[in-house]
Amino acid sequence: MVALQIRHVPEEIRDVLSAEAERRGESLQNYLLEVVAREASSVNNRRLVRDWMARPLASAVAVDVPELLGRHRRDRERHLAKPTVD
């Protein structure tokens, strides 16, 4: 593992982060490692979405969300209206 160091962090930011770590019952070190890991994961996810959207087929697909939701609701209502077998 490597060590990261952040210089010139304002005290008020450090205080907020320390308070959040304490509220969670974690050390500041563990809390900040979670924050950094979450950000790294988010960067990877954004890159995947950006790459996927750059594909010709992905950008040409149009989705009618209200129609899909309506179809799902109608299917669910039909399913719920069916009598159950004991």
C-alpha atoms as a PDB file:
ATOM      1  CA  MET A   1       0.000   0.000   0.000  1.00  0.00           C
ATOM      2  CA  VAL A   2       1.012   3.595  -0.500  1.00  0.00           C
ATOM      3  CA  ALA A   3       0.604   6.595   1.761  1.00  0.00           C
ATOM      4  CA  LEU A   4      -1.198   9.760   0.678  1.00  0.00           C
ATOM      5  CA  GLN A   5      -0.654  13.129   2.258  1.00  0.00           C
ATOM      6  CA  ILE A   6      -2.806  16.212   1.783  1.00  0.00           C
ATOM      7  CA  ARG A   7      -1.242  19.506   2.709  1.00  0.00           C
ATOM      8  CA  HIS A   8      -2.828  22.841   3.513  1.00  0.00           C
ATOM      9  CA  VAL A   9      -6.197  21.424   4.620  1.00  0.00           C
ATOM     10  CA  PRO A  10      -8.135  24.189   6.385  1.00  0.00           C
ATOM     11  CA  GLU A  11      -8.869  23.408  10.024  1.00  0.00           C
ATOM     12  CA  GLU A  12     -12.631  23.761   9.526  1.00  0.00           C
ATOM     13  CA  ILE A  13     -12.562  21.039   6.852  1.00  0.00           C
ATOM     14  CA  ARG A  14     -10.460  18.779   9.058  1.00  0.00           C
ATOM     15  CA  ASP A  15     -12.905  19.392  11.925  1.00  0.00           C
ATOM     16  CA  VAL A  16     -15.924  18.440   9.788  1.00  0.00           C
ATOM     17  CA  LEU A  17     -14.224  15.252   8.586  1.00  0.00           C
ATOM     18  CA  SER A  18     -13.079  14.337  12.097  1.00  0.00           C
ATOM     19  CA  ALA A  19     -16.576  14.877  13.481  1.00  0.00           C
ATOM     20  CA  GLU A  20     -18.089  12.662  10.764  1.00  0.00           C
ATOM     21  CA  ALA A  21     -15.549   9.920  11.430  1.00  0.00           C
ATOM     22  CA  GLU A  22     -16.311  10.119  15.146  1.00  0.00           C
ATOM     23  CA  ARG A  23     -20.066  10.042  14.500  1.00  0.00           C
ATOM     24  CA  ARG A  24     -19.552   6.826  12.528  1.00  0.00           C
ATOM     25  CA  GLY A  25     -17.350   5.355  15.238  1.00  0.00           C
ATOM     26  CA  GLU A  26     -14.338   5.247  12.906  1.00  0.00           C
ATOM     27  CA  SER A  27     -10.878   6.689  12.964  1.00  0.00           C
ATOM     28  CA  LEU A  28     -10.261   9.635  10.688  1.00  0.00           C
ATOM     29  CA  GLN A  29      -7.803   7.431   8.760  1.00  0.00           C
ATOM     30  CA  ASN A  30     -10.430   4.744   8.066  1.00  0.00           C
ATOM     31  CA  TYR A  31     -13.101   7.279   7.196  1.00  0.00           C
ATOM     32  CA  LEU A  32     -10.832   9.089   4.719  1.00  0.00           C
ATOM     33  CA  LEU A  33      -9.769   5.785   3.149  1.00  0.00           C
ATOM     34  CA  GLU A  34     -13.469   5.008   2.550  1.00  0.00           C
ATOM     35  CA  VAL A  35     -13.995   8.458   1.005  1.00  0.00           C
ATOM     36  CA  VAL A  36     -11.008   8.028  -1.317  1.00  0.00           C
ATOM     37  CA  ALA A  37     -12.067   4.486  -2.288  1.00  0.00           C
ATOM     38  CA  ARG A  38     -15.635   5.646  -2.992  1.00  0.00           C
ATOM     39  CA  GLU A  39     -14.352   8.476  -5.181  1.00  0.00           C
ATOM     40  CA  ALA A  40     -12.041   6.114  -7.094  1.00  0.00           C
ATOM     41  CA  SER A  41     -14.955   3.756  -7.702  1.00  0.00           C
ATOM     42  CA  SER A  42     -17.116   6.653  -8.853  1.00  0.00           C
ATOM     43  CA  VAL A  43     -14.442   7.772 -11.321  1.00  0.00           C
ATOM     44  CA  ASN A  44     -14.328   4.268 -12.796  1.00  0.00           C
ATOM     45  CA  ASN A  45     -18.125   4.158 -13.045  1.00  0.00           C
ATOM     46  CA  ARG A  46     -18.263   7.545 -14.782  1.00  0.00           C
ATOM     47  CA  ARG A  47     -15.580   6.395 -17.232  1.00  0.00           C
ATOM     48  CA  LEU A  48     -17.548   3.224 -18.022  1.00  0.00           C
ATOM     49  CA  VAL A  49     -20.729   5.215 -18.667  1.00  0.00           C
ATOM     50  CA  ARG A  50     -18.870   7.753 -20.802  1.00  0.00           C
ATOM     51  CA  ASP A  51     -17.242   4.968 -22.844  1.00  0.00           C
ATOM     52  CA  TRP A  52     -20.552   3.146 -23.235  1.00  0.00           C
ATOM     53  CA  MET A  53     -22.345   6.305 -24.362  1.00  0.00           C
ATOM     54  CA  ALA A  54     -19.602   6.960 -26.915  1.00  0.00           C
ATOM     55  CA  ARG A  55     -20.450   3.718 -28.711  1.00  0.00           C
ATOM     56  CA  PRO A  56     -22.569   4.351 -31.828  1.00  0.00           C
ATOM     57  CA  LEU A  57     -25.329   1.933 -30.862  1.00  0.00           C
ATOM     58  CA  ALA A  58     -25.631   3.225 -27.305  1.00  0.00           C
ATOM     59  CA  SER A  59     -26.095   6.829 -28.352  1.00  0.00           C
ATOM     60  CA  ALA A  60     -28.714   5.842 -30.959  1.00  0.00           C
ATOM     61  CA  VAL A  61     -30.953   3.957 -28.523  1.00  0.00           C
ATOM     62  CA  ALA A  62     -34.017   5.978 -27.537  1.00  0.00           C
ATOM     63  CA  VAL A  63     -35.945   4.915 -24.467  1.00  0.00           C
ATOM     64  CA  ASP A  64     -39.492   6.043 -23.768  1.00  0.00           C
ATOM     65  CA  VAL A  65     -39.406   5.848 -19.983  1.00  0.00           C
ATOM     66  CA  PRO A  66     -43.080   6.760 -19.385  1.00  0.00           C
ATOM     67  CA  GLU A  67     -44.133   4.042 -21.853  1.00  0.00           C
ATOM     68  CA  LEU A  68     -41.889   1.466 -20.206  1.00  0.00           C
ATOM     69  CA  LEU A  69     -43.228   2.353 -16.759  1.00  0.00           C
ATOM     70  CA  GLY A  70     -46.815   2.221 -17.994  1.00  0.00           C
ATOM     71  CA  ARG A  71     -46.248  -1.176 -19.586  1.00  0.00           C
ATOM     72  CA  HIS A  72     -44.651  -2.470 -16.393  1.00  0.00           C
ATOM     73  CA  ARG A  73     -47.555  -1.188 -14.281  1.00  0.00           C
ATOM     74  CA  ARG A  74     -50.132  -2.783 -16.597  1.00  0.00           C
ATOM     75  CA  ASP A  75     -48.287  -6.110 -16.513  1.00  0.00           C
ATOM     76  CA  ARG A  76     -48.046  -5.962 -12.736  1.00  0.00           C
ATOM     77  CA  GLU A  77     -51.744  -5.115 -12.360  1.00  0.00           C
ATOM     78  CA  ARG A  78     -52.673  -8.055 -14.618  1.00  0.00           C
ATOM     79  CA  HIS A  79     -50.430 -10.327 -12.571  1.00  0.00           C
ATOM     80  CA  LEU A  80     -51.934  -9.136  -9.279  1.00  0.00           C
ATOM     81  CA  ALA A  81     -55.482  -9.528 -10.622  1.00  0.00           C
ATOM     82  CA  LYS A  82     -54.956 -13.230 -11.384  1.00  0.00           C
ATOM     83  CA  PRO A  83     -56.484 -15.522  -8.779  1.00  0.00           C
ATOM     84  CA  THR A  84     -53.966 -17.335  -6.620  1.00  0.00           C
ATOM     85  CA  VAL A  85     -53.907 -21.101  -6.381  1.00  0.00           C
ATOM     86  CA  ASP A  86     -53.760 -22.550  -2.859  1.00  0.00           C
END
